[in-house]
C-alpha atoms as a PDB file:
ATOM      1  CA  UNK A   1      13.824 -27.954  -0.125  1.00  0.00           C
ATOM      2  CA  UNK A   2      11.134 -25.174   1.055  1.00  0.00           C
ATOM      3  CA  UNK A   3      10.466 -22.029   1.688  1.00  0.00           C
ATOM      4  CA  UNK A   4       9.744 -20.688   5.472  1.00  0.00           C
ATOM      5  CA  UNK A   5       8.332 -17.267   6.941  1.00  0.00           C
ATOM      6  CA  UNK A   6      10.567 -14.819   8.462  1.00  0.00           C
ATOM      7  CA  UNK A   7       8.301 -15.180  11.807  1.00  0.00           C
ATOM      8  CA  UNK A   8       8.486 -19.170  11.531  1.00  0.00           C
ATOM      9  CA  UNK A   9      10.199 -20.288  14.867  1.00  0.00           C
ATOM     10  CA  UNK A  10      13.165 -22.673  14.862  1.00  0.00           C
ATOM     11  CA  UNK A  11      15.591 -23.924  17.485  1.00  0.00           C
ATOM     12  CA  UNK A  12      19.104 -24.225  17.792  1.00  0.00           C
ATOM     13  CA  UNK A  13      19.114 -25.922  20.809  1.00  0.00           C
ATOM     14  CA  UNK A  14      15.702 -27.911  21.528  1.00  0.00           C
ATOM     15  CA  UNK A  15      13.304 -25.969  23.768  1.00  0.00           C
ATOM     16  CA  UNK A  16      14.883 -22.671  22.726  1.00  0.00           C
ATOM     17  CA  UNK A  17      12.726 -21.218  19.857  1.00  0.00           C
ATOM     18  CA  UNK A  18      13.500 -17.680  18.036  1.00  0.00           C
ATOM     19  CA  UNK A  19      12.324 -16.427  14.633  1.00  0.00           C
ATOM     20  CA  UNK A  20      14.213 -17.334  11.745  1.00  0.00           C
ATOM     21  CA  UNK A  21      14.794 -13.390  10.698  1.00  0.00           C
ATOM     22  CA  UNK A  22      16.392 -12.933  13.812  1.00  0.00           C
ATOM     23  CA  UNK A  23      19.332 -15.706  13.595  1.00  0.00           C
ATOM     24  CA  UNK A  24      22.651 -15.285  12.096  1.00  0.00           C
ATOM     25  CA  UNK A  25      23.071 -17.988   9.525  1.00  0.00           C
ATOM     26  CA  UNK A  26      26.072 -18.440   7.584  1.00  0.00           C
ATOM     27  CA  UNK A  27      26.653 -18.740   4.014  1.00  0.00           C
ATOM     28  CA  UNK A  28      26.805 -22.475   4.384  1.00  0.00           C
ATOM     29  CA  UNK A  29      23.585 -22.639   6.438  1.00  0.00           C
ATOM     30  CA  UNK A  30      23.127 -23.568   9.799  1.00  0.00           C
ATOM     31  CA  UNK A  31      21.413 -26.393  11.325  1.00  0.00           C
ATOM     32  CA  UNK A  32      18.404 -25.957  13.286  1.00  0.00           C
ATOM     33  CA  UNK A  33      15.308 -27.851  14.700  1.00  0.00           C
ATOM     34  CA  UNK A  34      12.238 -26.929  12.926  1.00  0.00           C
ATOM     35  CA  UNK A  35       9.209 -27.636  15.437  1.00  0.00           C
ATOM     36  CA  UNK A  36       7.197 -30.846  14.241  1.00  0.00           C
ATOM     37  CA  UNK A  37       9.550 -32.021  11.647  1.00  0.00           C
ATOM     38  CA  UNK A  38      13.222 -32.417  12.876  1.00  0.00           C
ATOM     39  CA  UNK A  39      16.587 -31.289  12.456  1.00  0.00           C
ATOM     40  CA  UNK A  40      17.275 -29.086   8.737  1.00  0.00           C
ATOM     41  CA  UNK A  41      20.047 -27.029   7.391  1.00  0.00           C
ATOM     42  CA  UNK A  42      18.752 -23.434   7.274  1.00  0.00           C
ATOM     43  CA  UNK A  43      19.303 -20.859   4.415  1.00  0.00           C
ATOM     44  CA  UNK A  44      19.393 -17.330   3.748  1.00  0.00           C
ATOM     45  CA  UNK A  45      19.203 -15.636   0.346  1.00  0.00           C
ATOM     46  CA  UNK A  46      18.134 -12.065  -0.722  1.00  0.00           C
ATOM     47  CA  UNK A  47      15.392 -11.337  -3.630  1.00  0.00           C
ATOM     48  CA  UNK A  48      14.280  -8.561  -4.764  1.00  0.00           C
ATOM     49  CA  UNK A  49      15.478  -6.348  -1.228  1.00  0.00           C
ATOM     50  CA  UNK A  50      14.159  -9.090   0.968  1.00  0.00           C
ATOM     51  CA  UNK A  51      15.603 -11.900   2.873  1.00  0.00           C
ATOM     52  CA  UNK A  52      14.214 -15.353   1.959  1.00  0.00           C
ATOM     53  CA  UNK A  53      14.717 -18.435   4.103  1.00  0.00           C
ATOM     54  CA  UNK A  54      14.516 -21.999   3.024  1.00  0.00           C
ATOM     55  CA  UNK A  55      15.223 -25.015   4.817  1.00  0.00           C
ATOM     56  CA  UNK A  56      16.614 -28.162   3.409  1.00  0.00           C
ATOM     57  CA  UNK A  57      16.184 -31.768   4.614  1.00  0.00           C
ATOM     58  CA  UNK A  58      18.948 -33.667   4.894  1.00  0.00           C
ATOM     59  CA  UNK A  59      17.926 -37.281   6.341  1.00  0.00           C
ATOM     60  CA  UNK A  60      21.627 -37.867   7.340  1.00  0.00           C
ATOM     61  CA  UNK A  61      24.694 -36.434   8.337  1.00  0.00           C
ATOM     62  CA  UNK A  62      25.917 -35.550   4.443  1.00  0.00           C
ATOM     63  CA  UNK A  63      28.317 -32.952   3.264  1.00  0.00           C
ATOM     64  CA  UNK A  64      25.856 -30.085   2.049  1.00  0.00           C
ATOM     65  CA  UNK A  65      27.289 -26.625   1.022  1.00  0.00           C
ATOM     66  CA  UNK A  66      26.039 -23.311  -0.020  1.00  0.00           C
ATOM     67  CA  UNK A  67      27.005 -24.543  -3.438  1.00  0.00           C
ATOM     68  CA  UNK A  68      24.341 -27.294  -3.283  1.00  0.00           C
ATOM     69  CA  UNK A  69      21.553 -25.067  -2.305  1.00  0.00           C
ATOM     70  CA  UNK A  70      22.326 -23.089  -5.083  1.00  0.00           C
ATOM     71  CA  UNK A  71      21.911 -25.902  -7.658  1.00  0.00           C
ATOM     72  CA  UNK A  72      18.716 -27.282  -5.655  1.00  0.00           C
ATOM     73  CA  UNK A  73      17.238 -23.816  -5.708  1.00  0.00           C
ATOM     74  CA  UNK A  74      17.839 -22.861  -9.530  1.00  0.00           C
ATOM     75  CA  UNK A  75      16.088 -26.249 -10.235  1.00  0.00           C
ATOM     76  CA  UNK A  76      13.461 -25.651  -7.951  1.00  0.00           C
ATOM     77  CA  UNK A  77      12.795 -22.535  -9.599  1.00  0.00           C
ATOM     78  CA  UNK A  78      13.163 -24.194 -13.055  1.00  0.00           C
ATOM     79  CA  UNK A  79      10.070 -26.263 -11.724  1.00  0.00           C
ATOM     80  CA  UNK A  80       8.236 -23.442 -10.892  1.00  0.00           C
ATOM     81  CA  UNK A  81       8.665 -21.723 -14.365  1.00  0.00           C
ATOM     82  CA  UNK A  82       7.562 -24.558 -15.869  1.00  0.00           C
ATOM     83  CA  UNK A  83       4.287 -24.715 -13.936  1.00  0.00           C
ATOM     84  CA  UNK A  84       3.438 -21.231 -14.637  1.00  0.00           C
ATOM     85  CA  UNK A  85       3.998 -21.410 -18.340  1.00  0.00           C
ATOM     86  CA  UNK A  86       2.082 -24.897 -18.509  1.00  0.00           C
ATOM     87  CA  UNK A  87      -0.868 -23.018 -17.000  1.00  0.00           C
ATOM     88  CA  UNK A  88      -0.758 -19.857 -18.213  1.00  0.00           C
ATOM     89  CA  UNK A  89       0.746 -20.219 -21.908  1.00  0.00           C
ATOM     90  CA  UNK A  90      -0.662 -23.882 -22.743  1.00  0.00           C
ATOM     91  CA  UNK A  91      -3.574 -23.447 -20.480  1.00  0.00           C
ATOM     92  CA  UNK A  92      -3.092 -27.201 -19.221  1.00  0.00           C
ATOM     93  CA  UNK A  93      -6.096 -26.409 -16.874  1.00  0.00           C
ATOM     94  CA  UNK A  94      -8.782 -25.094 -19.151  1.00  0.00           C
ATOM     95  CA  UNK A  95     -10.539 -27.789 -20.902  1.00  0.00           C
ATOM     96  CA  UNK A  96     -14.179 -28.500 -21.314  1.00  0.00           C
ATOM     97  CA  UNK A  97     -14.286 -32.385 -21.149  1.00  0.00           C
ATOM     98  CA  UNK A  98     -15.357 -34.439 -18.257  1.00  0.00           C
ATOM     99  CA  UNK A  99     -14.339 -37.807 -19.764  1.00  0.00           C
ATOM    100  CA  UNK A 100     -10.786 -39.182 -18.856  1.00  0.00           C
ATOM    101  CA  UNK A 101      -9.732 -40.217 -22.275  1.00  0.00           C
ATOM    102  CA  UNK A 102     -10.778 -36.505 -23.546  1.00  0.00           C
ATOM    103  CA  UNK A 103      -9.366 -35.270 -20.378  1.00  0.00           C
ATOM    104  CA  UNK A 104      -5.653 -37.054 -20.955  1.00  0.00           C
ATOM    105  CA  UNK A 105      -5.328 -35.881 -24.609  1.00  0.00           C
ATOM    106  CA  UNK A 106      -5.981 -32.482 -23.515  1.00  0.00           C
ATOM    107  CA  UNK A 107      -3.055 -32.733 -20.718  1.00  0.00           C
ATOM    108  CA  UNK A 108      -1.125 -34.512 -23.852  1.00  0.00           C
ATOM    109  CA  UNK A 109      -1.476 -31.759 -25.949  1.00  0.00           C
ATOM    110  CA  UNK A 110      -0.692 -29.290 -23.415  1.00  0.00           C
ATOM    111  CA  UNK A 111       2.599 -30.728 -22.409  1.00  0.00           C
ATOM    112  CA  UNK A 112       3.526 -31.448 -26.066  1.00  0.00           C
ATOM    113  CA  UNK A 113       2.929 -27.584 -27.083  1.00  0.00           C
ATOM    114  CA  UNK A 114       5.221 -26.758 -23.756  1.00  0.00           C
ATOM    115  CA  UNK A 115       8.190 -28.903 -25.478  1.00  0.00           C
ATOM    116  CA  UNK A 116       7.679 -27.318 -28.890  1.00  0.00           C
ATOM    117  CA  UNK A 117       7.646 -23.551 -27.522  1.00  0.00           C
ATOM    118  CA  UNK A 118      10.498 -24.322 -25.364  1.00  0.00           C
ATOM    119  CA  UNK A 119      12.375 -25.997 -28.653  1.00  0.00           C
ATOM    120  CA  UNK A 120      11.308 -22.935 -30.519  1.00  0.00           C
ATOM    121  CA  UNK A 121      12.959 -20.916 -27.554  1.00  0.00           C
ATOM    122  CA  UNK A 122      16.279 -22.863 -27.869  1.00  0.00           C
ATOM    123  CA  UNK A 123      15.914 -22.602 -31.315  1.00  0.00           C
ATOM    124  CA  UNK A 124      16.048 -18.693 -30.673  1.00  0.00           C
ATOM    125  CA  UNK A 125      13.164 -18.258 -32.951  1.00  0.00           C
ATOM    126  CA  UNK A 126      11.883 -16.143 -29.786  1.00  0.00           C
ATOM    127  CA  UNK A 127      13.707 -15.269 -26.799  1.00  0.00           C
ATOM    128  CA  UNK A 128      10.481 -15.316 -24.603  1.00  0.00           C
ATOM    129  CA  UNK A 129       7.552 -17.665 -24.511  1.00  0.00           C
ATOM    130  CA  UNK A 130       5.004 -14.913 -22.966  1.00  0.00           C
ATOM    131  CA  UNK A 131       6.405 -12.415 -25.475  1.00  0.00           C
ATOM    132  CA  UNK A 132       5.716 -15.076 -28.047  1.00  0.00           C
ATOM    133  CA  UNK A 133       1.973 -15.739 -26.482  1.00  0.00           C
ATOM    134  CA  UNK A 134       1.480 -11.646 -26.259  1.00  0.00           C
ATOM    135  CA  UNK A 135       2.347 -11.014 -30.249  1.00  0.00           C
ATOM    136  CA  UNK A 136       0.131 -14.128 -31.730  1.00  0.00           C
ATOM    137  CA  UNK A 137      -2.773 -12.951 -30.041  1.00  0.00           C
ATOM    138  CA  UNK A 138      -2.172  -9.054 -30.996  1.00  0.00           C
ATOM    139  CA  UNK A 139      -1.803 -10.166 -34.307  1.00  0.00           C
ATOM    140  CA  UNK A 140      -4.989 -12.792 -34.312  1.00  0.00           C
ATOM    141  CA  UNK A 141      -6.847 -10.010 -32.307  1.00  0.00           C
ATOM    142  CA  UNK A 142      -5.872  -7.519 -34.806  1.00  0.00           C
ATOM    143  CA  UNK A 143      -6.752  -9.572 -38.050  1.00  0.00           C
ATOM    144  CA  UNK A 144     -10.581 -10.438 -36.621  1.00  0.00           C
ATOM    145  CA  UNK A 145     -11.226  -6.764 -35.921  1.00  0.00           C
ATOM    146  CA  UNK A 146     -10.301  -5.949 -39.222  1.00  0.00           C
ATOM    147  CA  UNK A 147     -12.133  -8.516 -41.042  1.00  0.00           C
ATOM    148  CA  UNK A 148     -15.703  -7.633 -38.527  1.00  0.00           C
ATOM    149  CA  UNK A 149     -15.104  -4.054 -38.933  1.00  0.00           C
ATOM    150  CA  UNK A 150     -15.606  -4.278 -42.921  1.00  0.00           C
ATOM    151  CA  UNK A 151     -18.122  -2.588 -44.272  1.00  0.00           C
ATOM    152  CA  UNK A 152     -19.784  -1.533 -40.615  1.00  0.00           C
ATOM    153  CA  UNK A 153     -18.948   2.033 -40.865  1.00  0.00           C
ATOM    154  CA  UNK A 154     -22.749   2.818 -40.296  1.00  0.00           C
ATOM    155  CA  UNK A 155     -22.082   1.564 -36.716  1.00  0.00           C
ATOM    156  CA  UNK A 156     -19.493   4.552 -36.010  1.00  0.00           C
ATOM    157  CA  UNK A 157     -21.679   7.751 -34.330  1.00  0.00           C
ATOM    158  CA  UNK A 158     -21.858  10.277 -36.129  1.00  0.00           C
ATOM    159  CA  UNK A 159     -21.450  13.602 -34.615  1.00  0.00           C
ATOM    160  CA  UNK A 160     -22.718  17.106 -35.448  1.00  0.00           C
ATOM    161  CA  UNK A 161     -20.472  20.140 -35.439  1.00  0.00           C
ATOM    162  CA  UNK A 162     -21.233  22.303 -32.262  1.00  0.00           C
ATOM    163  CA  UNK A 163     -22.655  25.593 -33.450  1.00  0.00           C
ATOM    164  CA  UNK A 164     -21.983  28.566 -31.217  1.00  0.00           C
ATOM    165  CA  UNK A 165     -24.256  31.093 -30.867  1.00  0.00           C
END
């Protein structure tokens, strides 16, 4: 399954191309020809007040209903959430090593951190890993500012009172 833009052209009959946004797509999908690919089933969903179009490649004539599409779409979304979290929260792409072994160690540690965060979320230690990350950094930054600013009052600007003449 993959998403297609609304202006992507497909054919109900080979040779007659139409944009997917203008097609009447039933709830169980519509079998169409995708240019330079072959026969696929086209689905339309509604997300954030706009239509999204997806095609599913079915190599053989197998029964494939809306419920099957919904299940695959939900699994696809969970994979997207995993990639987003492992990049943004676990920082899997940010490492300063060049050798293979340390790079593999970093990737392993990032995946392990993700698993640990998900375990904590399931145990209801928090509801959202992004919220947990914000709170963690807020506490860390606050502690740093407090410890760094102790005894540095002389760095604050000393303003004289304005005198009206």
